[in-house]
Protein backbone atom coordinates (compact mmCIF):
# COMPACT_ATOMS: atom_id res chain seq x y z
CA MET A 1 -101.59 64.80 -112.44
CA SER A 2 -100.61 61.16 -112.14
CA LYS A 3 -98.46 59.69 -114.98
CA VAL A 4 -100.59 56.48 -114.68
CA LYS A 5 -103.22 56.35 -117.19
CA THR A 6 -106.24 54.02 -117.68
CA THR A 7 -106.47 52.48 -121.10
CA VAL A 8 -107.88 49.52 -123.00
CA ILE A 9 -106.24 46.69 -124.84
CA GLY A 10 -108.45 46.91 -127.88
CA SER A 11 -111.84 45.39 -128.61
CA TYR A 12 -115.16 46.46 -126.98
CA PRO A 13 -118.61 44.73 -127.33
CA VAL A 14 -121.31 46.47 -129.32
CA ASP A 15 -124.73 45.23 -130.50
CA PHE A 16 -124.91 44.92 -134.24
CA ASP A 17 -128.05 45.58 -136.26
CA ASN A 18 -128.14 42.35 -138.38
CA LEU A 19 -131.20 43.61 -140.34
CA GLU A 20 -129.09 46.61 -141.35
CA PHE A 21 -126.28 44.39 -142.52
CA PHE A 22 -128.53 42.30 -144.47
CA LYS A 23 -130.38 45.09 -146.22
CA ASN A 24 -127.05 46.77 -147.17
CA TYR A 25 -125.71 43.40 -148.46
CA SER A 26 -128.81 42.85 -150.44
CA ASN A 27 -128.65 46.23 -152.01
CA GLN A 28 -124.82 46.13 -152.47
CA ASN A 29 -124.28 48.99 -150.08
CA LEU A 30 -121.43 49.42 -147.65
CA THR A 31 -122.37 49.40 -143.90
CA SER A 32 -121.19 52.34 -142.09
CA TRP A 33 -119.16 51.44 -139.02
CA LYS A 34 -119.20 54.97 -137.47
CA ASN A 35 -122.30 54.23 -135.37
CA TYR A 36 -120.68 51.15 -133.79
CA ILE A 37 -117.36 53.03 -133.31
CA ASN A 38 -119.35 55.76 -131.69
CA VAL A 39 -120.95 53.27 -129.18
CA ALA A 40 -117.51 51.84 -128.17
CA VAL A 41 -115.74 55.19 -127.83
CA ASP A 42 -118.59 56.86 -126.06
CA ASP A 43 -118.58 54.12 -123.40
CA MET A 44 -114.81 54.44 -122.89
CA ILE A 45 -115.09 58.18 -122.54
CA LYS A 46 -118.24 58.05 -120.19
CA ALA A 47 -116.25 55.50 -118.02
CA GLY A 48 -113.35 57.99 -117.79
CA ILE A 49 -110.72 56.00 -119.68
CA ASP A 50 -107.74 58.17 -120.47
CA ILE A 51 -106.43 56.44 -123.60
CA VAL A 52 -109.14 54.96 -125.80
CA SER A 53 -109.16 52.78 -128.88
CA ASP A 54 -111.47 52.36 -131.83
CA GLY A 55 -113.17 49.40 -130.27
CA GLN A 56 -112.09 46.96 -132.97
CA THR A 57 -115.74 46.73 -133.96
CA ARG A 58 -115.25 45.58 -137.66
CA ASP A 59 -114.14 41.98 -137.30
CA PRO A 60 -112.13 39.50 -135.23
CA PHE A 61 -108.68 41.30 -134.77
CA VAL A 62 -106.54 39.23 -137.20
CA ASN A 63 -109.23 39.39 -139.95
CA ILE A 64 -109.27 43.17 -139.76
CA PHE A 65 -105.68 43.07 -141.14
CA LEU A 66 -105.79 40.05 -143.38
CA ARG A 67 -108.79 41.19 -145.30
CA LYS A 68 -106.79 44.31 -146.41
CA LEU A 69 -103.38 42.80 -147.15
CA LYS A 70 -102.55 41.49 -150.61
CA GLY A 71 -101.82 37.82 -150.61
CA CYS A 72 -104.55 36.81 -148.17
CA ARG A 73 -108.07 35.53 -148.57
CA ILE A 74 -110.60 34.65 -145.87
CA ARG A 75 -112.48 31.21 -146.05
CA GLU A 76 -113.12 28.95 -143.12
CA ARG A 77 -109.67 30.01 -142.01
CA PRO A 78 -107.48 32.73 -143.48
CA GLU A 79 -105.28 31.47 -146.33
CA ILE A 80 -102.03 32.80 -147.79
CA ILE A 81 -102.20 32.48 -151.57
CA ASP A 82 -99.67 34.95 -152.74
CA LYS A 83 -96.73 37.21 -151.50
CA ILE A 84 -97.96 39.44 -148.65
CA LYS A 85 -97.89 43.16 -149.54
CA TYR A 86 -99.31 46.33 -148.17
CA LYS A 87 -101.91 47.75 -150.56
CA GLU A 88 -104.10 50.16 -148.58
CA SER A 89 -104.67 51.55 -145.12
CA ILE A 90 -106.30 49.14 -142.73
CA THR A 91 -107.27 50.88 -139.53
CA VAL A 92 -106.14 54.39 -140.31
CA GLU A 93 -109.64 55.78 -141.34
CA ASP A 94 -111.26 54.50 -138.19
CA ILE A 95 -108.50 56.02 -136.12
CA LYS A 96 -108.81 59.31 -137.91
CA TYR A 97 -112.50 59.38 -137.18
CA VAL A 98 -112.04 58.54 -133.47
CA ARG A 99 -109.39 61.35 -133.19
CA SER A 100 -111.88 63.84 -134.59
CA ILE A 101 -114.65 62.96 -132.06
CA ILE A 102 -112.75 62.44 -128.81
CA PRO A 103 -112.06 65.34 -126.32
CA LYS A 104 -108.44 66.61 -126.64
CA LYS A 105 -107.66 65.43 -123.09
CA HIS A 106 -108.00 61.83 -124.10
CA GLY A 107 -105.17 59.88 -125.71
CA LEU A 108 -105.66 57.37 -128.63
CA VAL A 109 -104.01 53.90 -129.07
CA GLY A 110 -103.46 52.40 -132.50
CA LEU A 111 -103.90 48.65 -132.52
CA ILE A 112 -101.77 46.31 -134.66
CA ALA A 113 -102.04 42.51 -134.96
CA GLY A 114 -98.60 41.15 -134.52
CA PRO A 115 -96.78 39.37 -137.50
CA HIS A 116 -96.15 36.09 -135.60
CA THR A 117 -99.88 35.98 -134.68
CA LEU A 118 -100.92 36.63 -138.18
CA THR A 119 -98.56 33.99 -139.42
CA CYS A 120 -99.84 31.42 -136.93
CA SER A 121 -103.49 32.23 -137.71
CA CYS A 122 -103.25 31.43 -141.49
CA VAL A 123 -103.10 28.39 -143.68
CA ASP A 124 -99.91 28.96 -145.74
CA MET A 125 -100.51 27.88 -149.37
CA PHE A 126 -97.78 30.02 -150.87
CA TYR A 127 -94.46 30.51 -148.78
CA ASN A 128 -93.78 27.25 -147.08
CA ASP A 129 -91.43 29.27 -144.99
CA GLU A 130 -92.84 30.60 -141.66
CA LYS A 131 -90.00 33.04 -141.08
CA GLU A 132 -90.23 34.64 -144.64
CA LEU A 133 -93.98 34.98 -144.20
CA ALA A 134 -93.62 36.55 -140.82
CA PHE A 135 -91.16 39.16 -142.05
CA ASP A 136 -93.29 40.03 -145.01
CA PHE A 137 -96.26 40.57 -142.54
CA ALA A 138 -93.78 42.69 -140.44
CA GLN A 139 -92.83 44.85 -143.43
CA ALA A 140 -96.53 45.37 -144.36
CA LEU A 141 -97.52 46.31 -140.75
CA ASN A 142 -94.76 48.86 -140.67
CA PHE A 143 -96.39 50.71 -143.56
CA GLU A 144 -99.69 50.80 -141.52
CA ILE A 145 -97.99 51.95 -138.35
CA LYS A 146 -96.14 54.88 -140.12
CA LYS A 147 -99.53 56.09 -141.23
CA LEU A 148 -101.17 55.60 -137.83
CA VAL A 149 -98.48 57.56 -135.93
CA LYS A 150 -99.91 60.92 -137.31
CA TYR A 151 -103.03 60.30 -135.21
CA VAL A 152 -102.25 58.22 -132.22
CA ASP A 153 -100.32 58.62 -128.97
CA ILE A 154 -99.37 54.96 -128.68
CA VAL A 155 -99.00 52.08 -130.99
CA SER A 156 -99.90 48.71 -129.40
CA VAL A 157 -98.81 45.40 -131.01
CA ASP A 158 -100.88 42.43 -130.05
CA GLU A 159 -99.11 39.02 -130.08
CA PRO A 160 -101.18 36.52 -128.13
CA PHE A 161 -99.30 33.67 -129.78
CA TYR A 162 -96.12 34.63 -127.98
CA SER A 163 -97.54 32.92 -124.91
CA ILE A 164 -97.55 29.65 -126.88
CA SER A 165 -94.64 29.99 -129.08
CA MET A 166 -91.94 32.72 -129.63
CA PRO A 167 -89.61 32.35 -132.66
CA ASP A 168 -85.73 32.94 -132.10
CA TYR A 169 -86.07 35.80 -134.57
CA ALA A 170 -88.79 37.71 -132.51
CA LYS A 171 -86.50 40.66 -131.79
CA GLU A 172 -85.55 41.28 -135.41
CA LEU A 173 -89.18 40.72 -136.44
CA MET A 174 -90.27 43.43 -134.09
CA LYS A 175 -87.52 45.81 -135.27
CA THR A 176 -88.87 45.40 -138.70
CA VAL A 177 -92.50 46.24 -137.56
CA LEU A 178 -91.25 49.28 -135.59
CA ASP A 179 -88.68 50.54 -137.93
CA GLY A 180 -88.77 54.37 -138.03
CA VAL A 181 -91.64 54.54 -135.53
CA SER A 182 -90.94 57.21 -132.77
CA CYS A 183 -94.07 57.26 -130.75
CA THR A 184 -94.63 55.19 -127.49
CA LYS A 185 -94.66 51.39 -128.37
CA ARG A 186 -96.57 48.87 -126.33
CA LEU A 187 -96.59 45.02 -126.70
CA HIS A 188 -99.63 43.09 -125.54
CA VAL A 189 -99.34 39.32 -124.78
CA CYS A 190 -102.13 37.59 -123.02
CA GLY A 191 -101.90 34.13 -121.55
CA ASP A 192 -99.20 32.64 -119.37
CA VAL A 193 -95.92 34.32 -120.35
CA THR A 194 -94.04 32.94 -117.30
CA LYS A 195 -91.41 31.25 -119.46
CA LYS A 196 -91.17 33.93 -121.97
CA ILE A 197 -90.40 36.92 -119.69
CA SER A 198 -86.66 37.27 -120.38
CA ASN A 199 -87.38 37.22 -124.08
CA LEU A 200 -90.14 39.72 -123.88
CA LEU A 201 -87.96 42.08 -121.82
CA ASP A 202 -85.49 42.08 -124.73
CA LEU A 203 -87.99 43.20 -127.37
CA PRO A 204 -87.83 46.89 -128.55
CA PHE A 205 -90.97 48.11 -126.77
CA ASP A 206 -91.53 50.82 -124.20
CA ILE A 207 -94.43 49.11 -122.39
CA LEU A 208 -95.30 45.50 -121.74
CA SER A 209 -98.92 44.54 -121.18
CA HIS A 210 -100.12 41.30 -119.69
CA GLU A 211 -103.02 39.44 -117.97
CA PHE A 212 -102.02 40.01 -114.29
CA LYS A 213 -105.54 39.67 -113.06
CA ALA A 214 -106.34 36.33 -114.61
CA LYS A 215 -102.70 35.19 -114.14
CA PRO A 216 -101.63 36.51 -110.83
CA LYS A 217 -98.71 34.11 -110.64
CA LEU A 218 -97.01 36.42 -113.15
CA PHE A 219 -96.32 38.86 -110.23
CA ASP A 220 -93.92 36.14 -108.71
CA SER A 221 -92.48 35.33 -112.06
CA PHE A 222 -91.59 39.01 -112.87
CA LYS A 223 -90.05 39.41 -109.32
CA GLU A 224 -87.06 37.29 -110.57
CA TYR A 225 -86.13 39.94 -113.23
CA ASN A 226 -84.69 43.35 -113.37
CA VAL A 227 -87.67 44.86 -115.16
CA THR A 228 -86.57 47.92 -117.19
CA LYS A 229 -89.65 48.17 -119.26
CA ASN A 230 -92.66 50.18 -118.25
CA ILE A 231 -95.82 48.10 -117.42
CA CYS A 232 -99.44 48.05 -118.52
CA LEU A 233 -101.11 46.25 -115.64
CA GLY A 234 -104.09 44.11 -116.49
CA CYS A 235 -106.58 44.70 -113.67
CA VAL A 236 -109.91 43.29 -114.52
CA ARG A 237 -110.69 40.11 -116.27
CA SER A 238 -111.82 40.02 -119.79
CA ASP A 239 -113.09 36.48 -119.67
CA ASP A 240 -115.35 36.69 -116.64
CA VAL A 241 -118.75 38.52 -116.44
CA ARG A 242 -118.19 39.20 -112.69
CA VAL A 243 -117.61 42.96 -112.28
CA GLU A 244 -114.55 43.53 -109.90
CA THR A 245 -115.25 46.07 -107.16
CA LYS A 246 -113.27 49.15 -106.90
CA ASP A 247 -111.71 47.91 -103.68
CA GLU A 248 -110.67 44.65 -105.30
CA ILE A 249 -109.02 46.48 -108.14
CA LYS A 250 -107.16 48.74 -105.76
CA ASP A 251 -105.73 45.68 -103.79
CA HIS A 252 -104.67 44.37 -107.15
CA ILE A 253 -102.93 47.60 -108.13
CA GLN A 254 -101.07 47.48 -104.80
CA LYS A 255 -99.79 44.05 -105.71
CA GLY A 256 -98.48 45.45 -108.89
CA ILE A 257 -96.77 48.39 -107.16
CA ASN A 258 -95.06 45.88 -104.78
CA VAL A 259 -93.43 44.28 -107.79
CA PHE A 260 -93.02 47.07 -110.35
CA ASP A 261 -93.09 50.20 -108.20
CA ASN A 262 -93.09 53.31 -110.54
CA LYS A 263 -92.72 51.16 -113.64
CA ILE A 264 -96.53 51.03 -113.88
CA VAL A 265 -97.67 53.61 -116.38
CA GLN A 266 -100.98 52.15 -117.52
CA LEU A 267 -103.91 50.21 -116.02
CA SER A 268 -106.19 48.22 -118.30
CA PRO A 269 -108.37 45.21 -118.64
CA ASP A 270 -106.46 41.95 -119.11
CA CYS A 271 -107.41 41.74 -122.75
CA GLY A 272 -110.02 42.90 -125.22
CA LEU A 273 -113.53 43.02 -123.84
CA ARG A 274 -115.39 41.87 -127.06
CA MET A 275 -116.69 38.61 -125.48
CA LEU A 276 -118.46 40.33 -122.52
CA PRO A 277 -121.84 41.90 -122.42
CA GLN A 278 -121.58 45.63 -123.20
CA LYS A 279 -123.08 46.64 -119.64
CA VAL A 280 -120.53 44.39 -117.90
CA ALA A 281 -117.55 45.84 -119.95
CA PHE A 282 -118.68 49.37 -119.24
CA GLU A 283 -118.90 48.70 -115.41
CA LYS A 284 -115.50 47.13 -115.37
CA LEU A 285 -114.03 50.19 -117.01
CA LYS A 286 -115.77 52.46 -114.61
CA ASN A 287 -114.44 50.64 -111.53
CA LEU A 288 -111.01 50.50 -113.08
CA VAL A 289 -111.01 54.33 -113.48
CA LYS A 290 -112.27 54.85 -109.83
CA ALA A 291 -109.66 52.58 -108.42
CA CYS A 292 -106.89 54.29 -110.41
CA ARG A 293 -107.94 57.72 -109.11
CA GLU A 294 -107.96 56.57 -105.55
CA VAL A 295 -104.58 54.86 -105.73
CA TYR A 296 -102.68 57.45 -107.82
CA GLY A 297 -104.81 60.59 -107.60
């Protein structure tokens, strides 16, 4: 069997029952998310994805974390009002549930919002020191990852803000996030990372994941470096409702092979699929799996 696996970056679109949410809110009941997780995971399994996620159905990605960390509150924008501390599990219960329902042959990825992205997403009303805030986020996230590793095969840290800004302490920040974590570690950065490649290659991750479909010029940029990391190759766009054909995806994979050779270990969408119609997202995943099987066997 090929070592190249199909996977997802994180989010998956599901249709929410707004009436259910309203009734539960009115009756002061908690809404069960299992039905929505079931829909997302079931689509991934039916499409043939090797390494699935929980679908990130609960909230925009950063808010999933900020709602559970001490020191944060959500208003029009997330605000930092006290020292950041880890107080309870954030995604662990969802991940435990997914592990209990997926076939054993499928892998599971645990998804973490990166500390720099969390820092840049908030209005800081307490620290007045971006670096100190980022490292407190990093320490809190490390607690979550250490709980997640009991249930996942891979931990994926999502740092979209790295394509815009990357602090000079990024390596130490990620060492803090990953301290004591022994499972496979992936970094996902969407956007144009052309000018950040050398810095990304220096970070303590096993796999780098980028938007190679939407940003094909990244192939030329990566050619200039000795890439020692493994690669998760973005193969279908997450911002376009057009469903890429199997043959188009196969051609794209071959471009990746020409640059990275056997460093490609995962094929995925460019980013999370939350903004696409569910049917479109499903068809993209199906064609991704078909292309992978024809290229790699």
